[in-house]
Amino acid sequence: MKPTLTLFLAMLLTGCSNKIISTKSGLQYRILEKGKGIKAKAGDEVFIYETTSYRNGTVLYSNYNSTSPVKVLIGGNQATEAVDEGLRGMQAGEIRELIAPPYLVKRKGYPSNVSPDSTLVIKMKLDRIERK
């Protein structure tokens, strides 16, 4: 089989596509791997693994190799607007890749390695949801 056919068949089996979804805010994302179970919503505490990078692939932050996912309260101003919006509707085990314009990744303070006017790529895996 050709690699493109193999990739296409893998996407069909996992229910994923390369389709980029654009939201009203300007956030773009694609689902790399589907999850299962309930969908995350505002008020849920979720545990995620994420890698944030520039579009050229330079990694700015990652906890993918960590044994502890990061806990985020959706809608609780604990993450950037891009991450908060990108988490909504995700299911446990789901992996999304976000393309976040600068105005959705604004922070109060910027680490020295993050330019405040850059579009960032954020790959997130939702480990689990805790609903109150």
Protein backbone atom coordinates (compact mmCIF):
# COMPACT_ATOMS: atom_id res chain seq x y z
CA MET A 1 0.00 0.00 0.00
CA LYS A 2 1.14 3.54 -0.68
CA PRO A 3 1.75 5.71 2.43
CA THR A 4 -1.08 8.08 1.48
CA LEU A 5 -3.54 5.20 1.26
CA THR A 6 -2.31 3.82 4.58
CA LEU A 7 -2.78 7.23 6.23
CA PHE A 8 -6.25 7.56 4.69
CA LEU A 9 -7.28 4.12 5.98
CA ALA A 10 -5.90 4.91 9.45
CA MET A 11 -7.90 8.15 9.53
CA LEU A 12 -11.05 6.29 8.50
CA LEU A 13 -10.57 3.68 11.23
CA THR A 14 -10.00 6.30 13.96
CA GLY A 15 -12.75 8.59 12.67
CA CYS A 16 -10.29 11.43 12.17
CA SER A 17 -9.48 13.59 9.22
CA ASN A 18 -7.14 16.36 8.29
CA LYS A 19 -10.15 18.69 8.17
CA ILE A 20 -9.40 21.98 9.86
CA ILE A 21 -12.31 23.43 11.80
CA SER A 22 -12.47 27.21 12.22
CA THR A 23 -14.41 28.83 15.07
CA LYS A 24 -15.94 32.30 15.28
CA SER A 25 -13.07 33.47 17.48
CA GLY A 26 -10.49 32.65 14.81
CA LEU A 27 -9.20 29.49 16.49
CA GLN A 28 -8.53 26.64 14.10
CA TYR A 29 -8.19 23.01 15.08
CA ARG A 30 -8.21 19.50 13.80
CA ILE A 31 -8.90 16.26 15.59
CA LEU A 32 -5.92 13.94 15.38
CA GLU A 33 -7.46 11.15 17.45
CA LYS A 34 -11.04 10.74 18.64
CA GLY A 35 -11.85 10.21 22.29
CA LYS A 36 -14.67 8.45 24.13
CA GLY A 37 -17.23 9.32 26.76
CA ILE A 38 -18.71 12.61 27.86
CA LYS A 39 -17.73 15.88 26.21
CA ALA A 40 -15.86 18.49 28.25
CA LYS A 41 -17.75 21.70 28.99
CA ALA A 42 -17.41 24.88 31.04
CA GLY A 43 -17.12 24.08 34.75
CA ASP A 44 -15.38 20.73 34.20
CA GLU A 45 -11.90 20.12 35.57
CA VAL A 46 -9.84 18.40 32.91
CA PHE A 47 -6.38 16.89 32.94
CA ILE A 48 -4.34 17.44 29.79
CA TYR A 49 -0.99 16.84 28.18
CA GLU A 50 0.08 19.57 25.80
CA THR A 51 2.88 20.76 23.60
CA THR A 52 3.00 24.39 22.53
CA SER A 53 5.23 25.40 19.65
CA TYR A 54 5.78 28.01 16.99
CA ARG A 55 4.54 27.13 13.52
CA ASN A 56 8.12 26.26 12.53
CA GLY A 57 8.11 23.43 15.09
CA THR A 58 10.21 25.11 17.80
CA VAL A 59 8.80 23.75 21.06
CA LEU A 60 8.10 26.35 23.75
CA TYR A 61 6.50 24.09 26.36
CA SER A 62 5.59 20.44 26.68
CA ASN A 63 4.44 18.11 29.42
CA TYR A 64 3.90 15.12 27.08
CA ASN A 65 6.81 13.25 28.65
CA SER A 66 5.55 13.94 32.17
CA THR A 67 3.68 11.42 34.29
CA SER A 68 1.38 14.19 35.54
CA PRO A 69 -1.10 15.94 33.28
CA VAL A 70 -1.93 19.61 33.91
CA LYS A 71 -5.29 20.30 35.61
CA VAL A 72 -7.42 23.04 34.04
CA LEU A 73 -10.86 24.35 35.02
CA ILE A 74 -12.65 25.09 31.76
CA GLY A 75 -13.98 28.64 31.90
CA GLY A 76 -11.95 29.37 35.03
CA ASN A 77 -9.37 31.72 33.46
CA GLN A 78 -6.65 29.16 34.16
CA ALA A 79 -5.51 28.80 30.56
CA THR A 80 -5.25 30.95 27.45
CA GLU A 81 -8.47 31.59 25.54
CA ALA A 82 -7.26 29.22 22.81
CA VAL A 83 -6.74 26.30 25.20
CA ASP A 84 -9.99 27.02 27.06
CA GLU A 85 -11.98 27.08 23.81
CA GLY A 86 -10.10 24.13 22.34
CA LEU A 87 -10.91 21.92 25.33
CA ARG A 88 -14.67 22.39 25.01
CA GLY A 89 -16.26 19.36 23.39
CA MET A 90 -13.21 17.13 23.78
CA GLN A 91 -13.57 13.59 25.10
CA ALA A 92 -11.13 11.55 27.17
CA GLY A 93 -8.33 10.25 24.97
CA GLU A 94 -8.97 12.82 22.25
CA ILE A 95 -6.02 14.63 20.69
CA ARG A 96 -6.46 18.01 19.03
CA GLU A 97 -4.05 20.29 17.28
CA LEU A 98 -4.93 23.98 17.67
CA ILE A 99 -3.68 26.83 15.53
CA ALA A 100 -4.04 29.81 17.82
CA PRO A 101 -3.69 33.42 16.66
CA PRO A 102 -1.82 35.82 18.97
CA TYR A 103 -4.95 37.41 20.45
CA LEU A 104 -6.11 34.00 21.76
CA VAL A 105 -2.83 33.14 23.48
CA LYS A 106 -2.26 36.41 25.35
CA ARG A 107 -0.72 36.05 28.78
CA LYS A 108 -0.16 38.46 31.64
CA GLY A 109 3.56 37.78 31.50
CA TYR A 110 5.54 36.15 28.74
CA PRO A 111 8.39 33.73 29.29
CA SER A 112 11.53 34.95 27.52
CA ASN A 113 11.14 32.27 24.83
CA VAL A 114 7.57 33.28 23.81
CA SER A 115 6.92 36.18 21.46
CA PRO A 116 3.61 37.91 22.29
CA ASP A 117 2.70 38.41 18.61
CA SER A 118 3.09 34.85 17.34
CA THR A 119 0.58 32.31 16.14
CA LEU A 120 1.10 29.15 18.19
CA VAL A 121 0.40 25.48 17.53
CA ILE A 122 -0.92 23.62 20.56
CA LYS A 123 -1.26 19.85 20.56
CA MET A 124 -3.48 18.69 23.43
CA LYS A 125 -4.45 15.25 24.68
CA LEU A 126 -7.35 15.14 27.11
CA ASP A 127 -6.44 12.57 29.75
CA ARG A 128 -9.65 12.72 31.80
CA ILE A 129 -12.61 14.86 32.81
CA GLU A 130 -13.81 15.45 36.37
CA ARG A 131 -17.35 16.76 36.41
CA LYS A 132 -18.59 18.41 39.61
